[in-house]
Protein backbone atom coordinates (compact mmCIF):
# COMPACT_ATOMS: atom_id res chain seq x y z
CA THR A 1 88.40 131.01 118.78
CA PHE A 2 90.05 128.30 117.35
CA THR A 3 94.04 127.78 116.71
CA ASN A 4 96.02 125.08 114.74
CA ILE A 5 93.04 122.79 113.81
CA THR A 6 94.56 120.24 111.25
CA ALA A 7 92.54 117.62 109.12
CA VAL A 8 93.59 114.83 107.24
CA SER A 9 92.19 112.96 104.53
CA ALA A 10 92.80 111.11 101.26
CA ASP A 11 92.14 114.00 99.92
CA GLY A 12 95.13 116.08 101.62
CA THR A 13 96.31 117.76 104.61
CA VAL A 14 94.59 121.19 105.73
CA ARG A 15 95.40 123.64 108.48
CA GLY A 16 93.56 126.30 109.84
CA SER A 17 92.45 128.75 112.18
CA GLY A 18 89.77 131.57 112.75
CA THR A 19 86.73 132.44 114.88
CA TRP A 20 82.74 132.06 115.17
CA GLU A 21 80.73 134.61 116.35
CA SER A 22 77.25 134.40 117.24
CA THR A 23 75.52 137.06 115.21
CA GLY A 24 71.88 135.35 115.15
CA GLY A 25 71.43 132.17 113.14
CA ALA A 26 74.37 130.19 112.00
CA GLY A 27 76.31 132.87 113.08
CA THR A 28 79.33 134.46 111.33
CA ILE A 29 82.88 132.31 110.82
CA ASN A 30 86.30 133.66 109.96
CA ILE A 31 88.62 130.83 108.88
CA SER A 32 92.15 130.91 107.17
CA GLY A 33 94.75 128.20 106.73
CA THR A 34 97.03 126.50 104.29
CA ALA A 35 96.81 122.95 102.57
CA GLU A 36 99.38 120.52 101.33
CA GLY A 37 99.10 117.31 99.20
CA VAL A 38 95.80 117.92 98.08
CA ASP A 39 94.50 116.09 95.35
CA GLY A 40 93.50 118.35 92.78
CA ALA A 41 89.99 115.91 91.35
CA ALA A 42 88.82 116.37 95.02
CA VAL A 43 88.82 120.78 95.17
CA HIS A 44 85.14 120.64 94.11
CA LYS A 45 83.90 118.99 97.65
CA TYR A 46 86.13 122.05 99.25
CA LEU A 47 84.06 124.55 97.22
CA PRO A 48 81.80 126.58 99.34
CA ILE A 49 78.26 125.46 97.98
CA VAL A 50 77.01 129.32 97.58
CA VAL A 51 78.89 128.90 94.38
CA GLY A 52 76.01 126.84 93.08
CA ASP A 53 75.37 123.75 91.34
CA PRO A 54 76.54 124.79 88.07
CA ALA A 55 79.28 125.86 89.01
CA LEU A 56 79.94 122.42 91.50
CA ASP A 57 79.23 120.02 88.80
CA TYR A 58 82.04 121.95 86.08
CA VAL A 59 84.38 121.89 88.64
CA GLU A 60 84.14 118.23 89.49
CA ALA A 61 83.72 116.85 85.85
CA ALA A 62 86.70 119.60 84.88
CA VAL A 63 89.49 119.28 87.55
CA LEU A 64 90.44 115.67 86.45
CA ALA A 65 94.10 115.03 88.76
CA GLY A 66 96.53 116.83 90.04
CA ARG A 67 98.63 117.43 93.59
CA VAL A 68 98.28 120.53 94.77
CA SER A 69 100.90 122.14 97.00
CA ASN A 70 101.60 125.73 98.48
CA GLY A 71 97.93 126.02 99.29
CA ARG A 72 96.22 128.79 101.16
CA TRP A 73 92.48 129.08 101.91
CA ASP A 74 90.26 131.72 103.82
CA GLY A 75 86.62 131.93 103.73
CA ALA A 76 84.18 134.65 105.71
CA ALA A 77 80.43 134.05 105.69
CA PRO A 78 77.82 134.56 105.68
CA GLN A 79 77.52 138.82 105.84
CA GLU A 80 81.19 138.93 103.80
CA GLY A 81 80.68 135.95 101.44
CA HIS A 82 84.09 135.60 100.55
CA PHE A 83 86.24 132.65 100.49
CA LEU A 84 89.64 131.99 98.15
CA ILE A 85 91.22 128.78 97.80
CA GLU A 86 93.99 128.56 95.76
CA GLY A 87 97.41 126.53 95.29
CA ASP A 88 100.26 125.50 93.06
CA VAL A 89 99.54 122.54 90.22
CA THR A 90 101.82 119.92 89.22
CA ASP A 91 100.63 116.97 87.53
CA GLY A 92 97.58 118.31 86.63
CA ARG A 93 94.86 117.05 83.82
CA MET A 94 91.79 119.01 83.25
CA ASP A 95 89.00 118.38 80.60
CA PHE A 96 87.81 122.45 80.01
CA MET A 97 85.35 121.21 78.24
CA PRO A 98 83.60 118.44 80.10
CA SER A 99 80.17 116.44 78.39
CA ARG A 100 78.90 115.64 81.75
CA ARG A 101 78.15 112.36 80.85
CA ALA A 102 78.49 109.84 83.27
CA VAL A 103 79.97 106.46 81.95
CA THR A 104 81.61 103.23 83.70
CA ARG A 105 84.67 102.34 84.08
CA SER A 106 85.65 99.28 86.50
CA GLY A 107 82.66 99.36 88.28
CA ARG A 108 82.90 102.77 88.97
CA THR A 109 80.96 105.55 87.40
CA GLU A 110 83.19 108.98 86.82
CA TRP A 111 82.40 111.33 83.88
CA ALA A 112 83.69 110.67 80.19
CA GLN A 113 86.68 112.81 79.03
CA GLY A 114 88.48 114.35 76.00
CA GLU A 115 84.84 114.20 74.16
CA HIS A 116 84.40 117.30 73.39
CA TRP A 117 88.16 119.06 73.43
CA PRO A 118 91.48 117.69 73.65
CA LEU A 119 92.61 116.92 77.79
CA LEU A 120 94.78 119.39 79.24
CA THR A 121 97.66 117.34 81.10
CA ASN A 122 100.71 117.53 82.53
CA ILE A 123 99.68 120.69 83.81
CA VAL A 124 102.32 122.74 86.03
CA GLY A 125 100.56 126.12 87.34
CA ARG A 126 98.80 127.31 89.57
CA MET A 127 95.05 127.10 90.72
CA GLN A 128 92.32 129.52 92.50
CA PHE A 129 89.07 129.81 93.44
CA GLU A 130 87.92 133.16 94.50
CA GLY A 131 84.20 134.37 95.27
CA ASN A 132 82.88 132.92 92.05
CA ARG A 133 85.33 133.27 89.84
CA MET A 134 88.01 130.38 88.94
CA THR A 135 91.66 130.68 87.38
CA ILE A 136 94.14 127.91 86.71
CA THR A 137 97.26 129.48 85.24
CA GLY A 138 99.22 126.62 83.88
CA HIS A 139 103.15 127.63 83.17
CA SER A 140 103.59 124.45 81.06
CA ALA A 141 101.10 121.84 79.82
CA SER A 142 100.43 119.13 76.93
CA SER A 143 97.36 118.81 75.15
CA GLY A 144 96.59 116.77 71.60
CA GLY A 145 100.32 116.33 70.82
CA LEU A 146 100.82 119.75 71.56
CA LYS A 147 103.10 121.64 73.78
CA ALA A 148 101.34 124.56 75.70
CA ARG A 149 102.80 127.54 77.85
CA ASP A 150 101.36 130.36 79.80
CA VAL A 151 97.78 128.94 79.69
CA VAL A 152 95.17 130.81 81.29
CA VAL A 153 91.63 128.99 81.98
CA GLU A 154 89.26 131.20 83.35
CA ILE A 155 85.87 131.69 84.29
CA PRO A 156 85.11 135.44 85.60
CA SER A 157 81.81 134.52 86.86
CA PHE A 158 79.99 131.32 87.53
CA ALA A 159 76.88 133.93 88.29
CA ALA A 160 76.80 135.17 85.16
CA ASP A 161 74.38 133.83 82.73
CA PRO A 162 75.96 133.17 80.59
CA VAL A 163 78.78 131.56 81.89
CA MET A 164 81.89 132.31 79.87
CA LEU A 165 84.65 130.11 79.71
CA THR A 166 88.18 131.49 77.91
CA VAL A 167 91.54 129.34 77.42
CA LYS A 168 94.60 131.51 76.19
CA GLY A 169 98.37 130.56 75.70
CA ALA A 170 100.57 129.25 73.63
CA ALA A 171 101.67 126.31 71.77
CA GLU A 172 104.43 124.21 70.07
CA GLY A 173 103.93 121.52 68.03
CA ASP A 174 104.45 119.67 64.49
CA LEU A 175 101.37 121.12 62.15
CA LYS A 176 99.96 117.94 62.37
CA ASP A 177 99.19 118.11 65.28
CA ALA A 178 98.08 121.55 65.34
CA LEU A 179 95.52 120.77 62.59
CA ALA A 180 94.07 118.05 64.48
CA TYR A 181 93.94 119.62 67.45
CA LEU A 182 91.32 122.43 65.99
C-alpha cells in the first residue's frame, strides 16, 4: 500500500495512492488520485500503452494545448485493465483531424496544425479518457471565426476498425465564416 504520493513535473502535479499485490508476473496494481495544473498537450504521455500506438499518436497530434484542473485518474491493471483520466479544461486547443505531418519550427519538430480542418481553440470544457474511449465536451470554443458551444468530440473506441471520430455541437457567426469553415 502506498498513500499520499505526490509527483510534480513541468506537466503538472498529481497526487495518488494505491495498492500493489504480488499475483505473479508484474503483479496487480490499483491506483487513483487527483491532478492539478496539468498541461493538456502532455496527456498522451500518461495514457496506458495498452490503448495502442494509433490512439497515442492521435492524442499527441490532436490535443495541442489546455490547462487541466479538477483532474482525477484511476487505474487497475493488469487483470481489470481499467483506467480513467478526466478533468476540466481551460484555454484548450485541438486539431481533431490532425495531418500527422511533422514540421520544424524554431528548431523544434512538431505536428503541422489545422491542415485538414480549422482548429478548435479557446476550449472550455471537460476531457475524459476512459478505457479505449475519448470524450471532450466543450462548453464553449472557437473555430474558423465561429463561436461554438455544446461541442462533443468523441472516439467511442480506439480499438474499432475503423476508428470513428464524431464531432457534434452548435456554432454561431457570420455566414461568410460559416461557408469558409465548410
